Amino acid sequence: MDIKVLNSSKDEIEVEVESLTIVEILRVYLNKDSSVNLAVWKRKHPTENPVLLVKTKGKSPKKAIDDAVKAATKDLDKLADDFKKLK
C-alpha cells in the first residue's frame, strides 16, 4: 500500500492513503491516543484517495501513527486468534 506524505511538521502531518478502510481504522485508533489533538480524513472526490490529517501534542505525528498501526494490528491478531478457537 502506498502512503504519501503531503505535509509534515513537528506537531502535524498530512498523508494520502490508498484505502478508505485503512484511513478510517487509523482515525479511530489515533483518536484514542491522548497525545493526539486531531485525527480526521477527507477526500475531495470519491475517485481520489483520502487524506489523513493528524495533529499532536507531546508526541510526533509519525510516532502516533506508528502506535495506532501497532494497536490495530494487535487487536486484529487477537480477533484472528479468537476466531480460530471457534473452529
Protein backbone atom coordinates (compact mmCIF):
# COMPACT_ATOMS: atom_id res chain seq x y z
CA MET A 1 0.00 0.00 0.00
CA ASP A 2 1.26 3.44 -0.85
CA ILE A 3 1.26 6.24 1.70
CA LYS A 4 2.32 9.66 0.51
CA VAL A 5 3.34 12.38 2.97
CA LEU A 6 1.88 15.65 1.70
CA ASN A 7 2.89 17.96 4.57
CA SER A 8 4.85 17.34 7.73
CA SER A 9 5.91 19.46 10.69
CA LYS A 10 6.79 18.89 14.34
CA ASP A 11 3.18 18.57 15.53
CA GLU A 12 1.23 17.94 12.33
CA ILE A 13 1.26 15.58 9.38
CA GLU A 14 -0.93 15.17 6.33
CA VAL A 15 -0.75 11.86 4.45
CA GLU A 16 -2.54 10.42 1.46
CA VAL A 17 -3.56 6.78 1.93
CA GLU A 18 -4.79 4.43 -0.81
CA SER A 19 -7.52 2.78 1.24
CA LEU A 20 -10.59 4.39 2.76
CA THR A 21 -10.90 1.46 5.16
CA ILE A 22 -7.34 1.81 6.44
CA VAL A 23 -7.60 5.57 6.88
CA GLU A 24 -10.81 5.16 8.92
CA ILE A 25 -9.23 2.49 11.16
CA LEU A 26 -6.23 4.78 11.70
CA ARG A 27 -8.53 7.70 12.55
CA VAL A 28 -10.34 5.66 15.20
CA TYR A 29 -7.13 4.41 16.84
CA LEU A 30 -5.45 7.82 16.65
CA ASN A 31 -8.37 9.46 18.41
CA LYS A 32 -7.91 7.02 21.32
CA ASP A 33 -4.39 8.41 21.88
CA SER A 34 -4.34 11.21 24.47
CA SER A 35 -1.42 12.95 22.73
CA VAL A 36 -3.42 13.31 19.51
CA ASN A 37 -5.39 16.56 19.36
CA LEU A 38 -6.99 15.89 15.99
CA ALA A 39 -7.19 12.95 13.59
CA VAL A 40 -9.51 13.44 10.63
CA TRP A 41 -9.62 12.45 6.99
CA LYS A 42 -11.15 13.96 3.90
CA ARG A 43 -11.32 13.37 0.20
CA LYS A 44 -12.37 15.89 -2.39
CA HIS A 45 -13.97 13.35 -4.72
CA PRO A 46 -14.79 9.62 -4.49
CA THR A 47 -12.26 8.90 -7.23
CA GLU A 48 -9.43 10.41 -5.15
CA ASN A 49 -7.52 8.86 -2.25
CA PRO A 50 -8.40 10.06 1.26
CA VAL A 51 -6.04 12.42 3.08
CA LEU A 52 -5.44 11.91 6.81
CA LEU A 53 -4.59 14.93 8.98
CA VAL A 54 -3.04 14.29 12.40
CA LYS A 55 -2.21 17.00 14.95
CA THR A 56 -0.40 16.03 18.15
CA LYS A 57 0.92 17.49 21.38
CA GLY A 58 3.90 15.90 23.12
CA LYS A 59 4.43 13.16 20.55
CA SER A 60 5.45 13.30 16.91
CA PRO A 61 2.61 12.62 14.49
CA LYS A 62 4.63 9.84 12.82
CA LYS A 63 5.06 8.12 16.20
CA ALA A 64 1.32 8.49 16.86
CA ILE A 65 0.51 6.85 13.51
CA ASP A 66 3.03 4.08 14.21
CA ASP A 67 1.45 3.46 17.63
CA ALA A 68 -2.03 3.37 16.06
CA VAL A 69 -0.89 0.81 13.48
CA LYS A 70 0.63 -1.36 16.23
CA ALA A 71 -2.54 -1.17 18.35
CA ALA A 72 -4.78 -2.04 15.40
CA THR A 73 -2.50 -4.94 14.42
CA LYS A 74 -2.55 -6.26 17.99
CA ASP A 75 -6.36 -6.13 18.11
CA LEU A 76 -6.70 -7.80 14.72
CA ASP A 77 -4.27 -10.57 15.71
CA LYS A 78 -6.31 -11.20 18.87
CA LEU A 79 -9.51 -11.28 16.82
CA ALA A 80 -7.95 -13.79 14.41
CA ASP A 81 -6.82 -15.98 17.32
CA ASP A 82 -10.29 -15.85 18.89
CA PHE A 83 -11.86 -16.76 15.55
CA LYS A 84 -9.52 -19.77 15.14
CA LYS A 85 -10.58 -21.03 18.58
CA LEU A 86 -14.19 -21.19 17.38
CA LYS A 87 -13.42 -23.92 14.84
